[in-house]
Amino acid sequence: RAALDRATVLLSMTKGGKRIENVWGAGGGQQSVKHLVKEIDMLLKEYLLSGDVLEAERCLQELEVPHFHHELVYEAVVMVLESTGEKTFKMMLDLLKSLWKSSVITVDQMKRGYERVYCEIPDINLDVPRSYSVLERFVEECFQAGIISKPLRDLCPSR
């Protein structure tokens, strides 16, 4: 009876199905990488539409995969490189700054995300010819905002 009462409460909550998955072990680290990448991509796209940093932070924490936050950093920087305007640049800078200040994204995860971009910039540059200059500018802004360290900034590849 107690289990049924608990299940009823969980199912009646907002996003009850997702909560049940987490309680029964299907959430967090049990999710496939492909699914997590899709969720993070969707989270970033929704953030670009809404501009709600707190909602993006909440959604990232709900995924319960702090060991995979480097994917958000990577995808955010790649979105900046692929964008054509200043809006995405500024919004992603604000998001990373907020996630950094709130300690949602750790030093290690931030570093891993940027290092992935650094490794893949030659391939990204094939599709987005001005990506090196945009990356240098974004990295410098992130350093000025205190999001990344000087050694990580200095690793940024340039043409």
Protein backbone atom coordinates (compact mmCIF):
# COMPACT_ATOMS: atom_id res chain seq x y z
CA ARG A 1 0.00 0.00 0.00
CA ALA A 2 2.83 2.41 0.88
CA ALA A 3 4.50 1.80 -2.50
CA LEU A 4 1.26 2.51 -4.36
CA ASP A 5 0.72 5.72 -2.38
CA ARG A 6 4.28 6.83 -3.16
CA ALA A 7 3.86 6.02 -6.87
CA THR A 8 0.60 8.00 -6.97
CA VAL A 9 2.34 11.03 -5.47
CA LEU A 10 5.27 10.77 -7.88
CA LEU A 11 3.03 10.38 -10.94
CA SER A 12 0.87 13.34 -9.95
CA MET A 13 3.90 15.65 -9.75
CA THR A 14 4.97 17.80 -12.69
CA LYS A 15 6.92 15.62 -15.11
CA GLY A 16 5.95 12.61 -12.99
CA GLY A 17 7.05 10.08 -15.58
CA LYS A 18 10.56 11.53 -15.62
CA ARG A 19 10.70 11.44 -11.83
CA ILE A 20 9.59 7.80 -11.83
CA GLU A 21 12.36 6.93 -14.31
CA ASN A 22 14.89 8.51 -11.96
CA VAL A 23 13.48 6.74 -8.90
CA TRP A 24 13.53 3.37 -10.67
CA GLY A 25 16.99 3.84 -12.17
CA ALA A 26 16.36 4.80 -15.80
CA GLY A 27 17.50 8.41 -15.39
CA GLY A 28 20.83 10.11 -14.84
CA GLY A 29 23.84 8.04 -15.80
CA GLN A 30 21.64 5.20 -17.09
CA GLN A 31 20.58 7.23 -20.14
CA SER A 32 22.35 6.69 -23.45
CA VAL A 33 24.93 9.21 -24.63
CA LYS A 34 22.89 9.78 -27.79
CA HIS A 35 19.83 10.65 -25.70
CA LEU A 36 21.84 12.98 -23.44
CA VAL A 37 23.38 14.79 -26.42
CA LYS A 38 19.88 15.29 -27.84
CA GLU A 39 18.58 16.59 -24.49
CA ILE A 40 21.47 19.05 -24.14
CA ASP A 41 21.02 20.27 -27.71
CA MET A 42 17.31 20.80 -27.09
CA LEU A 43 18.07 22.55 -23.77
CA LEU A 44 20.41 25.00 -25.52
CA LYS A 45 17.96 25.68 -28.35
CA GLU A 46 15.15 26.34 -25.86
CA TYR A 47 17.46 28.64 -23.93
CA LEU A 48 18.21 30.63 -27.09
CA LEU A 49 14.47 31.07 -27.63
CA SER A 50 13.50 31.90 -24.05
CA GLY A 51 16.64 33.52 -22.64
CA ASP A 52 15.81 31.97 -19.26
CA VAL A 53 19.15 31.09 -17.65
CA LEU A 54 17.56 29.67 -14.49
CA GLU A 55 15.34 27.32 -16.50
CA ALA A 56 18.34 26.11 -18.52
CA GLU A 57 20.26 25.53 -15.29
CA ARG A 58 17.34 23.62 -13.77
CA CYS A 59 16.98 21.44 -16.88
CA LEU A 60 20.70 20.66 -16.91
CA GLN A 61 20.60 19.63 -13.25
CA GLU A 62 17.51 17.48 -13.87
CA LEU A 63 19.52 15.39 -16.31
CA GLU A 64 21.61 14.28 -13.31
CA VAL A 65 24.82 13.78 -15.30
CA PRO A 66 27.44 16.16 -13.86
CA HIS A 67 30.14 14.00 -15.48
CA PHE A 68 28.65 14.92 -18.90
CA HIS A 69 28.41 18.72 -18.48
CA HIS A 70 31.40 19.08 -20.82
CA GLU A 71 28.93 18.25 -23.60
CA LEU A 72 26.90 21.37 -22.79
CA VAL A 73 30.07 23.49 -22.87
CA TYR A 74 31.12 21.93 -26.18
CA GLU A 75 27.69 22.33 -27.80
CA ALA A 76 27.32 25.91 -26.53
CA VAL A 77 30.68 26.96 -28.00
CA VAL A 78 29.94 25.19 -31.30
CA MET A 79 26.58 27.00 -31.49
CA VAL A 80 28.44 30.29 -31.05
CA LEU A 81 30.83 29.34 -33.86
CA GLU A 82 27.96 28.38 -36.18
CA SER A 83 25.81 31.43 -35.44
CA THR A 84 25.80 34.51 -37.60
CA GLY A 85 24.85 37.19 -35.10
CA GLU A 86 25.87 38.59 -31.75
CA LYS A 87 22.77 37.31 -29.94
CA THR A 88 23.94 33.70 -29.65
CA PHE A 89 27.46 34.86 -28.70
CA LYS A 90 26.17 36.98 -25.82
CA MET A 91 23.52 34.51 -24.64
CA MET A 92 25.92 31.55 -24.50
CA LEU A 93 28.48 33.70 -22.70
CA ASP A 94 25.80 34.62 -20.14
CA LEU A 95 24.72 30.99 -19.75
CA LEU A 96 28.25 29.67 -19.24
CA LYS A 97 28.98 32.51 -16.81
CA SER A 98 25.87 31.68 -14.77
CA LEU A 99 26.56 27.92 -14.75
CA TRP A 100 30.14 28.64 -13.72
CA LYS A 101 29.24 31.04 -10.91
CA SER A 102 26.61 28.68 -9.53
CA SER A 103 29.14 25.81 -9.65
CA VAL A 104 26.82 23.69 -11.75
CA ILE A 105 29.70 23.22 -14.21
CA THR A 106 33.02 22.34 -12.60
CA VAL A 107 36.51 23.43 -13.62
CA ASP A 108 37.20 19.99 -15.07
CA GLN A 109 33.98 19.89 -17.11
CA MET A 110 34.55 23.42 -18.45
CA LYS A 111 38.12 22.49 -19.41
CA ARG A 112 37.05 19.25 -21.12
CA GLY A 113 34.37 21.06 -23.15
CA TYR A 114 36.79 23.71 -24.40
CA GLU A 115 39.51 21.15 -25.15
CA ARG A 116 37.05 19.18 -27.29
CA VAL A 117 36.30 22.33 -29.30
CA TYR A 118 40.03 23.06 -29.64
CA CYS A 119 40.63 19.55 -31.01
CA GLU A 120 37.77 19.74 -33.49
CA ILE A 121 38.20 23.34 -34.69
CA PRO A 122 39.99 22.29 -37.93
CA ASP A 123 36.92 20.23 -38.91
CA ILE A 124 34.49 22.90 -37.73
CA ASN A 125 36.39 25.47 -39.78
CA LEU A 126 35.67 23.50 -42.97
CA ASP A 127 31.94 24.16 -42.47
CA VAL A 128 32.28 27.57 -40.80
CA PRO A 129 35.22 29.43 -42.38
CA ARG A 130 35.41 32.22 -39.79
CA SER A 131 35.31 29.87 -36.80
CA TYR A 132 38.91 30.45 -35.67
CA SER A 133 38.42 34.19 -35.23
CA VAL A 134 35.04 33.74 -33.52
CA LEU A 135 36.54 31.11 -31.21
CA GLU A 136 39.46 33.37 -30.27
CA ARG A 137 37.07 36.21 -29.48
CA PHE A 138 34.69 33.99 -27.48
CA VAL A 139 37.54 32.41 -25.52
CA GLU A 140 38.92 35.85 -24.69
CA GLU A 141 35.49 37.03 -23.50
CA CYS A 142 35.15 33.90 -21.37
CA PHE A 143 38.58 34.52 -19.86
CA GLN A 144 37.67 38.15 -19.12
CA ALA A 145 34.46 36.95 -17.45
CA GLY A 146 36.44 34.53 -15.28
CA ILE A 147 34.86 31.42 -16.80
CA ILE A 148 38.12 29.87 -17.99
CA SER A 149 41.69 30.02 -16.77
CA LYS A 150 44.64 31.70 -18.46
CA PRO A 151 46.29 28.35 -19.36
CA LEU A 152 43.04 27.18 -20.99
CA ARG A 153 42.75 30.47 -22.86
CA ASP A 154 46.35 30.16 -24.05
CA LEU A 155 45.63 26.69 -25.47
CA CYS A 156 43.11 28.19 -27.91
CA PRO A 157 44.27 27.41 -31.45
CA SER A 158 44.64 30.26 -33.90
CA ARG A 159 45.16 30.40 -37.62
